Amino acid sequence: MKEEVRTLLNDVRPSLQADGGDVEFVDVTGDGIVKVKLKGACSSCPMAQMTLKMGIEKYLKEKIPGVVEVVAV
């Protein structure tokens, strides 16, 4: 699952980079929690939580059935 998450994060990365941010894969737990680190403008953006949940998490859940949640660490 880790490689699949990494690949899919590369799909969303250009949108984040267009706004001066980025996302870094950290880990996937055995119970389907994906851990990421928001970088650049995303680390301090007031909309970062919405981007994380409604963008990244929604996309990963659609593509990988085992993903339960995406959290920023």
PDB file of N, CA and C in Angstrom:
ATOM      1  N   MET A   1       0.824  -1.200   0.000  1.00  0.00           N
ATOM      2  CA  MET A   1       0.000   0.000   0.000  1.00  0.00           C
ATOM      3  C   MET A   1       0.868   1.263   0.000  1.00  0.00           C
ATOM      4  N   LYS A   2       2.049   1.201   0.608  1.00  0.00           N
ATOM      5  CA  LYS A   2       2.909   2.386   0.692  1.00  0.00           C
ATOM      6  C   LYS A   2       3.272   2.925  -0.689  1.00  0.00           C
ATOM      7  N   GLU A   3       3.645   2.036  -1.596  1.00  0.00           N
ATOM      8  CA  GLU A   3       4.034   2.483  -2.935  1.00  0.00           C
ATOM      9  C   GLU A   3       2.847   3.076  -3.683  1.00  0.00           C
ATOM     10  N   GLU A   4       1.681   2.481  -3.483  1.00  0.00           N
ATOM     11  CA  GLU A   4       0.480   2.994  -4.138  1.00  0.00           C
ATOM     12  C   GLU A   4       0.147   4.397  -3.623  1.00  0.00           C
ATOM     13  N   VAL A   5       0.282   4.617  -2.318  1.00  0.00           N
ATOM     14  CA  VAL A   5       0.038   5.940  -1.733  1.00  0.00           C
ATOM     15  C   VAL A   5       1.051   6.938  -2.289  1.00  0.00           C
ATOM     16  N   ARG A   6       2.318   6.555  -2.333  1.00  0.00           N
ATOM     17  CA  ARG A   6       3.350   7.451  -2.877  1.00  0.00           C
ATOM     18  C   ARG A   6       3.020   7.857  -4.312  1.00  0.00           C
ATOM     19  N   THR A   7       2.617   6.898  -5.117  1.00  0.00           N
ATOM     20  CA  THR A   7       2.274   7.172  -6.513  1.00  0.00           C
ATOM     21  C   THR A   7       1.099   8.133  -6.614  1.00  0.00           C
ATOM     22  N   LEU A   8       0.071   7.903  -5.820  1.00  0.00           N
ATOM     23  CA  LEU A   8      -1.108   8.760  -5.862  1.00  0.00           C
ATOM     24  C   LEU A   8      -0.823  10.160  -5.328  1.00  0.00           C
ATOM     25  N   LEU A   9       0.053  10.273  -4.342  1.00  0.00           N
ATOM     26  CA  LEU A   9       0.424  11.603  -3.849  1.00  0.00           C
ATOM     27  C   LEU A   9       1.113  12.405  -4.945  1.00  0.00           C
ATOM     28  N   ASN A  10       1.828  11.724  -5.824  1.00  0.00           N
ATOM     29  CA  ASN A  10       2.450  12.409  -6.959  1.00  0.00           C
ATOM     30  C   ASN A  10       1.407  13.003  -7.894  1.00  0.00           C
ATOM     31  N   ASP A  11       0.193  12.428  -7.910  1.00  0.00           N
ATOM     32  CA  ASP A  11      -0.892  12.965  -8.729  1.00  0.00           C
ATOM     33  C   ASP A  11      -1.410  14.295  -8.182  1.00  0.00           C
ATOM     34  N   VAL A  12      -1.449  14.441  -6.858  1.00  0.00           N
ATOM     35  CA  VAL A  12      -1.985  15.671  -6.260  1.00  0.00           C
ATOM     36  C   VAL A  12      -0.902  16.730  -6.032  1.00  0.00           C
ATOM     37  N   ARG A  13       0.326  16.310  -6.044  1.00  0.00           N
ATOM     38  CA  ARG A  13       1.449  17.212  -5.763  1.00  0.00           C
ATOM     39  C   ARG A  13       1.479  18.463  -6.661  1.00  0.00           C
ATOM     40  N   PRO A  14       1.268  18.354  -7.977  1.00  0.00           N
ATOM     41  CA  PRO A  14       1.325  19.567  -8.809  1.00  0.00           C
ATOM     42  C   PRO A  14       0.335  20.654  -8.390  1.00  0.00           C
ATOM     43  N   SER A  15      -0.846  20.269  -7.939  1.00  0.00           N
ATOM     44  CA  SER A  15      -1.828  21.259  -7.483  1.00  0.00           C
ATOM     45  C   SER A  15      -1.333  21.991  -6.246  1.00  0.00           C
ATOM     46  N   LEU A  16      -0.715  21.253  -5.335  1.00  0.00           N
ATOM     47  CA  LEU A  16      -0.174  21.876  -4.126  1.00  0.00           C
ATOM     48  C   LEU A  16       1.016  22.765  -4.463  1.00  0.00           C
ATOM     49  N   GLN A  17       1.870  22.297  -5.349  1.00  0.00           N
ATOM     50  CA  GLN A  17       3.058  23.057  -5.726  1.00  0.00           C
ATOM     51  C   GLN A  17       2.689  24.344  -6.464  1.00  0.00           C
ATOM     52  N   ALA A  18       1.578  24.342  -7.169  1.00  0.00           N
ATOM     53  CA  ALA A  18       1.133  25.542  -7.871  1.00  0.00           C
ATOM     54  C   ALA A  18       0.830  26.678  -6.897  1.00  0.00           C
ATOM     55  N   ASP A  19       0.483  26.314  -5.665  1.00  0.00           N
ATOM     56  CA  ASP A  19       0.194  27.310  -4.628  1.00  0.00           C
ATOM     57  C   ASP A  19       1.348  27.480  -3.652  1.00  0.00           C
ATOM     58  N   GLY A  20       2.506  26.932  -3.985  1.00  0.00           N
ATOM     59  CA  GLY A  20       3.687  27.102  -3.142  1.00  0.00           C
ATOM     60  C   GLY A  20       3.820  26.075  -2.027  1.00  0.00           C
ATOM     61  N   GLY A  21       3.045  25.012  -2.083  1.00  0.00           N
ATOM     62  CA  GLY A  21       3.100  23.991  -1.038  1.00  0.00           C
ATOM     63  C   GLY A  21       3.564  22.655  -1.586  1.00  0.00           C
ATOM     64  N   ASP A  22       3.481  21.653  -0.748  1.00  0.00           N
ATOM     65  CA  ASP A  22       3.842  20.295  -1.152  1.00  0.00           C
ATOM     66  C   ASP A  22       3.375  19.334  -0.067  1.00  0.00           C
ATOM     67  N   VAL A  23       3.410  18.051  -0.388  1.00  0.00           N
ATOM     68  CA  VAL A  23       3.052  17.006   0.569  1.00  0.00           C
ATOM     69  C   VAL A  23       4.146  15.948   0.533  1.00  0.00           C
ATOM     70  N   GLU A  24       4.518  15.479   1.707  1.00  0.00           N
ATOM     71  CA  GLU A  24       5.553  14.445   1.821  1.00  0.00           C
ATOM     72  C   GLU A  24       4.954  13.221   2.505  1.00  0.00           C
ATOM     73  N   PHE A  25       5.128  12.060   1.895  1.00  0.00           N
ATOM     74  CA  PHE A  25       4.655  10.809   2.485  1.00  0.00           C
ATOM     75  C   PHE A  25       5.518  10.471   3.689  1.00  0.00           C
ATOM     76  N   VAL A  26       4.872  10.085   4.794  1.00  0.00           N
ATOM     77  CA  VAL A  26       5.595   9.682   5.995  1.00  0.00           C
ATOM     78  C   VAL A  26       5.441   8.182   6.229  1.00  0.00           C
ATOM     79  N   ASP A  27       4.186   7.699   6.318  1.00  0.00           N
ATOM     80  CA  ASP A  27       3.972   6.280   6.621  1.00  0.00           C
ATOM     81  C   ASP A  27       2.512   5.910   6.409  1.00  0.00           C
ATOM     82  N   VAL A  28       2.253   4.605   6.391  1.00  0.00           N
ATOM     83  CA  VAL A  28       0.897   4.061   6.433  1.00  0.00           C
ATOM     84  C   VAL A  28       0.883   3.048   7.565  1.00  0.00           C
ATOM     85  N   THR A  29      -0.060   3.206   8.472  1.00  0.00           N
ATOM     86  CA  THR A  29      -0.159   2.263   9.584  1.00  0.00           C
ATOM     87  C   THR A  29      -0.913   1.011   9.136  1.00  0.00           C
ATOM     88  N   GLY A  30      -0.829  -0.023   9.927  1.00  0.00           N
ATOM     89  CA  GLY A  30      -1.498  -1.280   9.621  1.00  0.00           C
ATOM     90  C   GLY A  30      -3.010  -1.170   9.561  1.00  0.00           C
ATOM     91  N   ASP A  31      -3.562  -0.145  10.226  1.00  0.00           N
ATOM     92  CA  ASP A  31      -5.018   0.023  10.219  1.00  0.00           C
ATOM     93  C   ASP A  31      -5.504   1.060   9.201  1.00  0.00           C
ATOM     94  N   GLY A  32      -4.645   1.395   8.224  1.00  0.00           N
ATOM     95  CA  GLY A  32      -5.077   2.238   7.107  1.00  0.00           C
ATOM     96  C   GLY A  32      -4.982   3.732   7.306  1.00  0.00           C
ATOM     97  N   ILE A  33      -4.205   4.177   8.276  1.00  0.00           N
ATOM     98  CA  ILE A  33      -4.009   5.617   8.489  1.00  0.00           C
ATOM     99  C   ILE A  33      -2.761   6.048   7.719  1.00  0.00           C
ATOM    100  N   VAL A  34      -2.959   6.986   6.809  1.00  0.00           N
ATOM    101  CA  VAL A  34      -1.848   7.518   6.016  1.00  0.00           C
ATOM    102  C   VAL A  34      -1.333   8.766   6.715  1.00  0.00           C
ATOM    103  N   LYS A  35      -0.041   8.801   6.963  1.00  0.00           N
ATOM    104  CA  LYS A  35       0.576   9.955   7.609  1.00  0.00           C
ATOM    105  C   LYS A  35       1.377  10.721   6.568  1.00  0.00           C
ATOM    106  N   VAL A  36       1.121  12.031   6.494  1.00  0.00           N
ATOM    107  CA  VAL A  36       1.820  12.891   5.551  1.00  0.00           C
ATOM    108  C   VAL A  36       2.293  14.147   6.272  1.00  0.00           C
ATOM    109  N   LYS A  37       3.217  14.825   5.656  1.00  0.00           N
ATOM    110  CA  LYS A  37       3.688  16.105   6.175  1.00  0.00           C
ATOM    111  C   LYS A  37       3.411  17.157   5.109  1.00  0.00           C
ATOM    112  N   LEU A  38       2.679  18.194   5.500  1.00  0.00           N
ATOM    113  CA  LEU A  38       2.423  19.296   4.589  1.00  0.00           C
ATOM    114  C   LEU A  38       3.601  20.257   4.664  1.00  0.00           C
ATOM    115  N   LYS A  39       4.065  20.693   3.505  1.00  0.00           N
ATOM    116  CA  LYS A  39       5.273  21.514   3.451  1.00  0.00           C
ATOM    117  C   LYS A  39       5.004  22.823   2.720  1.00  0.00           C
ATOM    118  N   GLY A  40       5.947  23.741   2.850  1.00  0.00           N
ATOM    119  CA  GLY A  40       5.850  25.022   2.161  1.00  0.00           C
ATOM    120  C   GLY A  40       4.642  25.806   2.614  1.00  0.00           C
ATOM    121  N   ALA A  41       3.955  26.423   1.658  1.00  0.00           N
ATOM    122  CA  ALA A  41       2.783  27.241   1.979  1.00  0.00           C
ATOM    123  C   ALA A  41       1.686  26.425   2.649  1.00  0.00           C
ATOM    124  N   CYS A  42       1.626  25.129   2.369  1.00  0.00           N
ATOM    125  CA  CYS A  42       0.587  24.271   2.966  1.00  0.00           C
ATOM    126  C   CYS A  42       0.767  24.101   4.473  1.00  0.00           C
ATOM    127  N   SER A  43       1.972  24.241   4.954  1.00  0.00           N
ATOM    128  CA  SER A  43       2.205  24.027   6.380  1.00  0.00           C
ATOM    129  C   SER A  43       1.596  25.124   7.243  1.00  0.00           C
ATOM    130  N   SER A  44       1.391  26.303   6.674  1.00  0.00           N
ATOM    131  CA  SER A  44       0.849  27.413   7.464  1.00  0.00           C
ATOM    132  C   SER A  44      -0.463  27.967   6.909  1.00  0.00           C
ATOM    133  N   CYS A  45      -0.987  27.347   5.891  1.00  0.00           N
ATOM    134  CA  CYS A  45      -2.210  27.832   5.252  1.00  0.00           C
ATOM    135  C   CYS A  45      -3.434  27.529   6.114  1.00  0.00           C
ATOM    136  N   PRO A  46      -4.341  28.511   6.276  1.00  0.00           N
ATOM    137  CA  PRO A  46      -5.545  28.273   7.058  1.00  0.00           C
ATOM    138  C   PRO A  46      -6.467  27.215   6.426  1.00  0.00           C
ATOM    139  N   MET A  47      -6.301  26.963   5.139  1.00  0.00           N
ATOM    140  CA  MET A  47      -7.128  25.982   4.441  1.00  0.00           C
ATOM    141  C   MET A  47      -6.465  24.607   4.379  1.00  0.00           C
ATOM    142  N   ALA A  48      -5.340  24.434   5.044  1.00  0.00           N
ATOM    143  CA  ALA A  48      -4.578  23.185   4.953  1.00  0.00           C
ATOM    144  C   ALA A  48      -5.390  21.982   5.404  1.00  0.00           C
ATOM    145  N   GLN A  49      -6.156  22.109   6.461  1.00  0.00           N
ATOM    146  CA  GLN A  49      -6.942  20.978   6.956  1.00  0.00           C
ATOM    147  C   GLN A  49      -8.000  20.563   5.940  1.00  0.00           C
ATOM    148  N   MET A  50      -8.604  21.543   5.293  1.00  0.00           N
ATOM    149  CA  MET A  50      -9.599  21.237   4.266  1.00  0.00           C
ATOM    150  C   MET A  50      -8.932  20.563   3.064  1.00  0.00           C
ATOM    151  N   THR A  51      -7.767  21.058   2.671  1.00  0.00           N
ATOM    152  CA  THR A  51      -7.019  20.443   1.578  1.00  0.00           C
ATOM    153  C   THR A  51      -6.678  19.003   1.924  1.00  0.00           C
ATOM    154  N   LEU A  52      -6.270  18.778   3.156  1.00  0.00           N
ATOM    155  CA  LEU A  52      -5.901  17.440   3.604  1.00  0.00           C
ATOM    156  C   LEU A  52      -7.093  16.486   3.562  1.00  0.00           C
ATOM    157  N   LYS A  53      -8.216  16.906   4.124  1.00  0.00           N
ATOM    158  CA  LYS A  53      -9.380  16.022   4.247  1.00  0.00           C
ATOM    159  C   LYS A  53     -10.205  15.934   2.960  1.00  0.00           C
ATOM    160  N   MET A  54     -10.530  17.072   2.378  1.00  0.00           N
ATOM    161  CA  MET A  54     -11.419  17.079   1.210  1.00  0.00           C
ATOM    162  C   MET A  54     -10.671  16.849  -0.104  1.00  0.00           C
ATOM    163  N   GLY A  55      -9.378  17.014  -0.084  1.00  0.00           N
ATOM    164  CA  GLY A  55      -8.588  16.792  -1.289  1.00  0.00           C
ATOM    165  C   GLY A  55      -7.818  15.494  -1.232  1.00  0.00           C
ATOM    166  N   ILE A  56      -6.766  15.477  -0.434  1.00  0.00           N
ATOM    167  CA  ILE A  56      -5.859  14.321  -0.380  1.00  0.00           C
ATOM    168  C   ILE A  56      -6.559  13.083   0.168  1.00  0.00           C
ATOM    169  N   GLU A  57      -7.214  13.211   1.319  1.00  0.00           N
ATOM    170  CA  GLU A  57      -7.862  12.046   1.924  1.00  0.00           C
ATOM    171  C   GLU A  57      -8.959  11.486   1.016  1.00  0.00           C
ATOM    172  N   LYS A  58      -9.790  12.344   0.485  1.00  0.00           N
ATOM    173  CA  LYS A  58     -10.882  11.900  -0.385  1.00  0.00           C
ATOM    174  C   LYS A  58     -10.329  11.154  -1.600  1.00  0.00           C
ATOM    175  N   TYR A  59      -9.297  11.693  -2.217  1.00  0.00           N
ATOM    176  CA  TYR A  59      -8.695  11.075  -3.390  1.00  0.00           C
ATOM    177  C   TYR A  59      -8.102   9.704  -3.059  1.00  0.00           C
ATOM    178  N   LEU A  60      -7.340   9.626  -1.980  1.00  0.00           N
ATOM    179  CA  LEU A  60      -6.730   8.350  -1.609  1.00  0.00           C
ATOM    180  C   LEU A  60      -7.783   7.303  -1.242  1.00  0.00           C
ATOM    181  N   LYS A  61      -8.837   7.709  -0.554  1.00  0.00           N
ATOM    182  CA  LYS A  61      -9.900   6.760  -0.188  1.00  0.00           C
ATOM    183  C   LYS A  61     -10.603   6.218  -1.431  1.00  0.00           C
ATOM    184  N   GLU A  62     -10.787   7.072  -2.442  1.00  0.00           N
ATOM    185  CA  GLU A  62     -11.425   6.635  -3.682  1.00  0.00           C
ATOM    186  C   GLU A  62     -10.570   5.609  -4.416  1.00  0.00           C
ATOM    187  N   LYS A  63      -9.260   5.790  -4.376  1.00  0.00           N
ATOM    188  CA  LYS A  63      -8.351   4.957  -5.152  1.00  0.00           C
ATOM    189  C   LYS A  63      -7.857   3.713  -4.413  1.00  0.00           C
ATOM    190  N   ILE A  64      -7.778   3.793  -3.081  1.00  0.00           N
ATOM    191  CA  ILE A  64      -7.256   2.679  -2.285  1.00  0.00           C
ATOM    192  C   ILE A  64      -8.276   2.347  -1.190  1.00  0.00           C
ATOM    193  N   PRO A  65      -9.006   1.245  -1.347  1.00  0.00           N
ATOM    194  CA  PRO A  65     -10.043   0.893  -0.375  1.00  0.00           C
ATOM    195  C   PRO A  65      -9.564   0.762   1.074  1.00  0.00           C
ATOM    196  N   GLY A  66      -8.306   0.410   1.296  1.00  0.00           N
ATOM    197  CA  GLY A  66      -7.805   0.209   2.662  1.00  0.00           C
ATOM    198  C   GLY A  66      -7.489   1.485   3.412  1.00  0.00           C
ATOM    199  N   VAL A  67      -7.508   2.639   2.740  1.00  0.00           N
ATOM    200  CA  VAL A  67      -7.211   3.911   3.416  1.00  0.00           C
ATOM    201  C   VAL A  67      -8.417   4.319   4.248  1.00  0.00           C
ATOM    202  N   VAL A  68      -8.186   4.535   5.536  1.00  0.00           N
ATOM    203  CA  VAL A  68      -9.244   4.920   6.470  1.00  0.00           C
ATOM    204  C   VAL A  68      -9.221   6.423   6.726  1.00  0.00           C
ATOM    205  N   GLU A  69      -8.014   6.978   6.841  1.00  0.00           N
ATOM    206  CA  GLU A  69      -7.875   8.397   7.187  1.00  0.00           C
ATOM    207  C   GLU A  69      -6.502   8.879   6.748  1.00  0.00           C
ATOM    208  N   VAL A  70      -6.396  10.184   6.484  1.00  0.00           N
ATOM    209  CA  VAL A  70      -5.114  10.813   6.199  1.00  0.00           C
ATOM    210  C   VAL A  70      -4.903  11.873   7.275  1.00  0.00           C
ATOM    211  N   VAL A  71      -3.745  11.825   7.934  1.00  0.00           N
ATOM    212  CA  VAL A  71      -3.441  12.777   8.993  1.00  0.00           C
ATOM    213  C   VAL A  71      -2.105  13.460   8.705  1.00  0.00           C
ATOM    214  N   ALA A  72      -2.019  14.718   9.123  1.00  0.00           N
ATOM    215  CA  ALA A  72      -0.760  15.460   9.009  1.00  0.00           C
ATOM    216  C   ALA A  72       0.048  15.266  10.286  1.00  0.00           C
ATOM    217  N   VAL A  73       1.317  15.023  10.138  1.00  0.00           N
ATOM    218  CA  VAL A  73       2.193  14.843  11.296  1.00  0.00           C
ATOM    219  C   VAL A  73       3.290  15.888  11.294  1.00  0.00           C
TER     220      VAL A  73
END
